[in-house]
Amino acid sequence: MLLELEKLLKEHVSEDLFLEIKENYDNWKSWSIFSTGIDSLSYMGILVDLEANYNLSEEKLHEINNLQDIELFLIEECKK
């Protein structure tokens, strides 16, 4: 899991959920966000942080459906 994604998750989900996601990341990364146990409020917080810190556009927002999408977005943004 990308370090930037870890930071985002640590800020927006409980420690227990973070550890569960980290442990199961390879299996869960393509699952829908809500299937991983992330609730809608936490998901919105993640999206707000992505917009504020990485200039998440409305177009890209609609492409984020799972943890892998977030990770790929962060990889692209960190290249810039």
N, C-alpha and C. Protein backbone atom coordinates (compact mmCIF):
# COMPACT_ATOMS: atom_id res chain seq x y z
N MET A 1 0.85 -1.17 0.00
CA MET A 1 0.00 0.00 0.00
C MET A 1 0.90 1.24 0.00
N LEU A 2 0.55 2.18 -0.81
CA LEU A 2 1.29 3.43 -0.94
C LEU A 2 1.24 4.22 0.38
N LEU A 3 2.36 4.80 0.76
CA LEU A 3 2.46 5.55 2.01
C LEU A 3 1.42 6.68 2.08
N GLU A 4 1.21 7.37 1.00
CA GLU A 4 0.23 8.47 0.98
C GLU A 4 -1.18 7.95 1.25
N LEU A 5 -1.50 6.78 0.73
CA LEU A 5 -2.81 6.18 0.99
C LEU A 5 -2.92 5.79 2.46
N GLU A 6 -1.85 5.26 3.01
CA GLU A 6 -1.84 4.92 4.44
C GLU A 6 -2.14 6.15 5.28
N LYS A 7 -1.49 7.27 4.96
CA LYS A 7 -1.71 8.51 5.71
C LYS A 7 -3.17 8.94 5.64
N LEU A 8 -3.75 8.88 4.45
CA LEU A 8 -5.16 9.25 4.29
C LEU A 8 -6.07 8.37 5.13
N LEU A 9 -5.84 7.08 5.05
CA LEU A 9 -6.69 6.15 5.79
C LEU A 9 -6.54 6.35 7.30
N LYS A 10 -5.32 6.57 7.77
CA LYS A 10 -5.10 6.78 9.20
C LYS A 10 -5.85 8.00 9.71
N GLU A 11 -6.00 9.00 8.86
CA GLU A 11 -6.70 10.22 9.25
C GLU A 11 -8.22 10.05 9.27
N HIS A 12 -8.73 9.10 8.50
CA HIS A 12 -10.18 9.08 8.29
C HIS A 12 -10.90 7.81 8.74
N VAL A 13 -10.17 6.79 9.13
CA VAL A 13 -10.83 5.58 9.63
C VAL A 13 -10.25 5.21 10.99
N SER A 14 -10.96 4.37 11.71
CA SER A 14 -10.48 3.94 13.03
C SER A 14 -9.18 3.14 12.88
N GLU A 15 -8.44 3.07 13.96
CA GLU A 15 -7.19 2.32 13.96
C GLU A 15 -7.44 0.84 13.63
N ASP A 16 -8.51 0.28 14.21
CA ASP A 16 -8.84 -1.13 13.95
C ASP A 16 -9.14 -1.37 12.47
N LEU A 17 -9.93 -0.47 11.89
CA LEU A 17 -10.27 -0.63 10.47
C LEU A 17 -9.04 -0.43 9.60
N PHE A 18 -8.21 0.55 9.95
CA PHE A 18 -6.98 0.77 9.19
C PHE A 18 -6.13 -0.49 9.18
N LEU A 19 -5.93 -1.10 10.34
CA LEU A 19 -5.11 -2.30 10.43
C LEU A 19 -5.73 -3.45 9.63
N GLU A 20 -7.05 -3.56 9.66
CA GLU A 20 -7.72 -4.61 8.89
C GLU A 20 -7.56 -4.38 7.39
N ILE A 21 -7.71 -3.13 6.97
CA ILE A 21 -7.52 -2.81 5.55
C ILE A 21 -6.07 -3.08 5.13
N LYS A 22 -5.13 -2.66 5.96
CA LYS A 22 -3.71 -2.86 5.63
C LYS A 22 -3.39 -4.35 5.51
N GLU A 23 -3.91 -5.13 6.43
CA GLU A 23 -3.66 -6.57 6.42
C GLU A 23 -4.27 -7.26 5.20
N ASN A 24 -5.40 -6.77 4.73
CA ASN A 24 -6.13 -7.40 3.63
C ASN A 24 -6.06 -6.60 2.33
N TYR A 25 -5.16 -5.64 2.26
CA TYR A 25 -5.15 -4.70 1.14
C TYR A 25 -5.12 -5.38 -0.23
N ASP A 26 -4.25 -6.34 -0.40
CA ASP A 26 -4.14 -6.98 -1.71
C ASP A 26 -5.45 -7.64 -2.15
N ASN A 27 -6.19 -8.17 -1.21
CA ASN A 27 -7.48 -8.79 -1.53
C ASN A 27 -8.60 -7.77 -1.67
N TRP A 28 -8.52 -6.68 -0.92
CA TRP A 28 -9.61 -5.72 -0.85
C TRP A 28 -9.46 -4.52 -1.78
N LYS A 29 -8.30 -4.30 -2.37
CA LYS A 29 -8.06 -3.05 -3.09
C LYS A 29 -9.01 -2.81 -4.25
N SER A 30 -9.57 -3.87 -4.82
CA SER A 30 -10.50 -3.68 -5.94
C SER A 30 -11.97 -3.71 -5.49
N TRP A 31 -12.21 -3.92 -4.21
CA TRP A 31 -13.58 -3.90 -3.68
C TRP A 31 -14.09 -2.46 -3.65
N SER A 32 -15.40 -2.30 -3.66
CA SER A 32 -15.95 -0.96 -3.51
C SER A 32 -15.52 -0.40 -2.16
N ILE A 33 -15.42 0.90 -2.08
CA ILE A 33 -14.98 1.56 -0.85
C ILE A 33 -15.80 1.08 0.34
N PHE A 34 -17.11 1.01 0.18
CA PHE A 34 -17.98 0.67 1.30
C PHE A 34 -17.88 -0.80 1.69
N SER A 35 -17.46 -1.65 0.78
CA SER A 35 -17.28 -3.07 1.10
C SER A 35 -16.08 -3.31 2.01
N THR A 36 -15.18 -2.33 2.08
CA THR A 36 -14.01 -2.46 2.94
C THR A 36 -14.30 -2.06 4.38
N GLY A 37 -15.49 -1.51 4.62
CA GLY A 37 -15.85 -1.06 5.96
C GLY A 37 -15.74 0.45 6.14
N ILE A 38 -15.28 1.14 5.12
CA ILE A 38 -15.19 2.60 5.18
C ILE A 38 -16.60 3.16 5.04
N ASP A 39 -17.01 4.01 5.98
CA ASP A 39 -18.36 4.58 5.90
C ASP A 39 -18.38 5.83 5.03
N SER A 40 -19.56 6.33 4.74
CA SER A 40 -19.69 7.45 3.81
C SER A 40 -19.04 8.73 4.33
N LEU A 41 -19.10 8.97 5.63
CA LEU A 41 -18.48 10.17 6.19
C LEU A 41 -16.95 10.11 6.04
N SER A 42 -16.38 8.96 6.31
CA SER A 42 -14.93 8.79 6.15
C SER A 42 -14.53 8.92 4.68
N TYR A 43 -15.34 8.35 3.79
CA TYR A 43 -15.08 8.43 2.35
C TYR A 43 -15.10 9.89 1.89
N MET A 44 -16.08 10.64 2.38
CA MET A 44 -16.15 12.05 1.99
C MET A 44 -14.93 12.81 2.51
N GLY A 45 -14.48 12.50 3.72
CA GLY A 45 -13.28 13.13 4.25
C GLY A 45 -12.06 12.84 3.40
N ILE A 46 -11.96 11.60 2.95
CA ILE A 46 -10.84 11.22 2.06
C ILE A 46 -10.90 12.02 0.77
N LEU A 47 -12.09 12.13 0.19
CA LEU A 47 -12.23 12.87 -1.06
C LEU A 47 -11.92 14.36 -0.87
N VAL A 48 -12.35 14.93 0.24
CA VAL A 48 -12.06 16.34 0.52
C VAL A 48 -10.55 16.54 0.64
N ASP A 49 -9.87 15.64 1.33
CA ASP A 49 -8.41 15.74 1.42
C ASP A 49 -7.74 15.60 0.06
N LEU A 50 -8.23 14.69 -0.76
CA LEU A 50 -7.67 14.53 -2.10
C LEU A 50 -7.86 15.80 -2.92
N GLU A 51 -9.01 16.42 -2.78
CA GLU A 51 -9.26 17.66 -3.51
C GLU A 51 -8.37 18.78 -2.99
N ALA A 52 -8.27 18.91 -1.69
CA ALA A 52 -7.50 20.01 -1.10
C ALA A 52 -5.99 19.85 -1.31
N ASN A 53 -5.50 18.63 -1.18
CA ASN A 53 -4.05 18.41 -1.21
C ASN A 53 -3.50 17.96 -2.56
N TYR A 54 -4.36 17.43 -3.41
CA TYR A 54 -3.88 16.87 -4.67
C TYR A 54 -4.69 17.35 -5.88
N ASN A 55 -5.52 18.36 -5.69
CA ASN A 55 -6.31 18.94 -6.78
C ASN A 55 -7.16 17.90 -7.51
N LEU A 56 -7.86 17.09 -6.74
CA LEU A 56 -8.77 16.10 -7.32
C LEU A 56 -9.85 16.84 -8.11
N SER A 57 -9.94 16.55 -9.39
CA SER A 57 -10.93 17.19 -10.24
C SER A 57 -12.25 16.43 -10.17
N GLU A 58 -13.32 17.09 -10.60
CA GLU A 58 -14.63 16.44 -10.61
C GLU A 58 -14.62 15.23 -11.53
N GLU A 59 -13.90 15.33 -12.64
CA GLU A 59 -13.79 14.21 -13.57
C GLU A 59 -13.14 13.00 -12.90
N LYS A 60 -12.03 13.23 -12.21
CA LYS A 60 -11.33 12.15 -11.52
C LYS A 60 -12.14 11.61 -10.35
N LEU A 61 -12.90 12.49 -9.71
CA LEU A 61 -13.74 12.09 -8.58
C LEU A 61 -14.66 10.94 -8.97
N HIS A 62 -15.22 11.02 -10.15
CA HIS A 62 -16.15 10.00 -10.62
C HIS A 62 -15.46 8.69 -10.98
N GLU A 63 -14.14 8.72 -11.08
CA GLU A 63 -13.38 7.52 -11.41
C GLU A 63 -12.93 6.76 -10.17
N ILE A 64 -13.12 7.34 -8.98
CA ILE A 64 -12.66 6.71 -7.75
C ILE A 64 -13.78 5.87 -7.14
N ASN A 65 -13.59 4.57 -7.20
CA ASN A 65 -14.59 3.64 -6.68
C ASN A 65 -14.04 2.65 -5.67
N ASN A 66 -12.71 2.59 -5.56
CA ASN A 66 -12.10 1.62 -4.64
C ASN A 66 -10.73 2.13 -4.19
N LEU A 67 -10.10 1.38 -3.32
CA LEU A 67 -8.80 1.79 -2.78
C LEU A 67 -7.72 1.84 -3.86
N GLN A 68 -7.79 0.94 -4.80
CA GLN A 68 -6.81 0.92 -5.89
C GLN A 68 -6.93 2.18 -6.74
N ASP A 69 -8.14 2.65 -6.98
CA ASP A 69 -8.33 3.90 -7.73
C ASP A 69 -7.68 5.07 -7.01
N ILE A 70 -7.85 5.11 -5.68
CA ILE A 70 -7.23 6.18 -4.90
C ILE A 70 -5.71 6.08 -5.00
N GLU A 71 -5.20 4.87 -4.86
CA GLU A 71 -3.76 4.67 -4.93
C GLU A 71 -3.21 5.09 -6.29
N LEU A 72 -3.87 4.71 -7.37
CA LEU A 72 -3.41 5.09 -8.71
C LEU A 72 -3.45 6.60 -8.90
N PHE A 73 -4.50 7.24 -8.38
CA PHE A 73 -4.59 8.70 -8.44
C PHE A 73 -3.41 9.33 -7.71
N LEU A 74 -3.12 8.84 -6.51
CA LEU A 74 -2.00 9.38 -5.73
C LEU A 74 -0.66 9.16 -6.43
N ILE A 75 -0.48 8.02 -7.05
CA ILE A 75 0.77 7.76 -7.78
C ILE A 75 0.94 8.77 -8.90
N GLU A 76 -0.13 9.02 -9.63
CA GLU A 76 -0.07 10.00 -10.72
C GLU A 76 0.23 11.41 -10.20
N GLU A 77 -0.42 11.78 -9.11
CA GLU A 77 -0.22 13.11 -8.55
C GLU A 77 1.18 13.28 -7.97
N CYS A 78 1.72 12.25 -7.41
CA CYS A 78 3.07 12.34 -6.83
C CYS A 78 4.15 12.42 -7.91
N LYS A 79 3.82 12.00 -9.12
CA LYS A 79 4.77 12.10 -10.24
C LYS A 79 4.91 13.54 -10.71
N LYS A 80 3.88 14.35 -10.47
CA LYS A 80 3.86 15.74 -10.98
C LYS A 80 4.81 16.61 -10.21
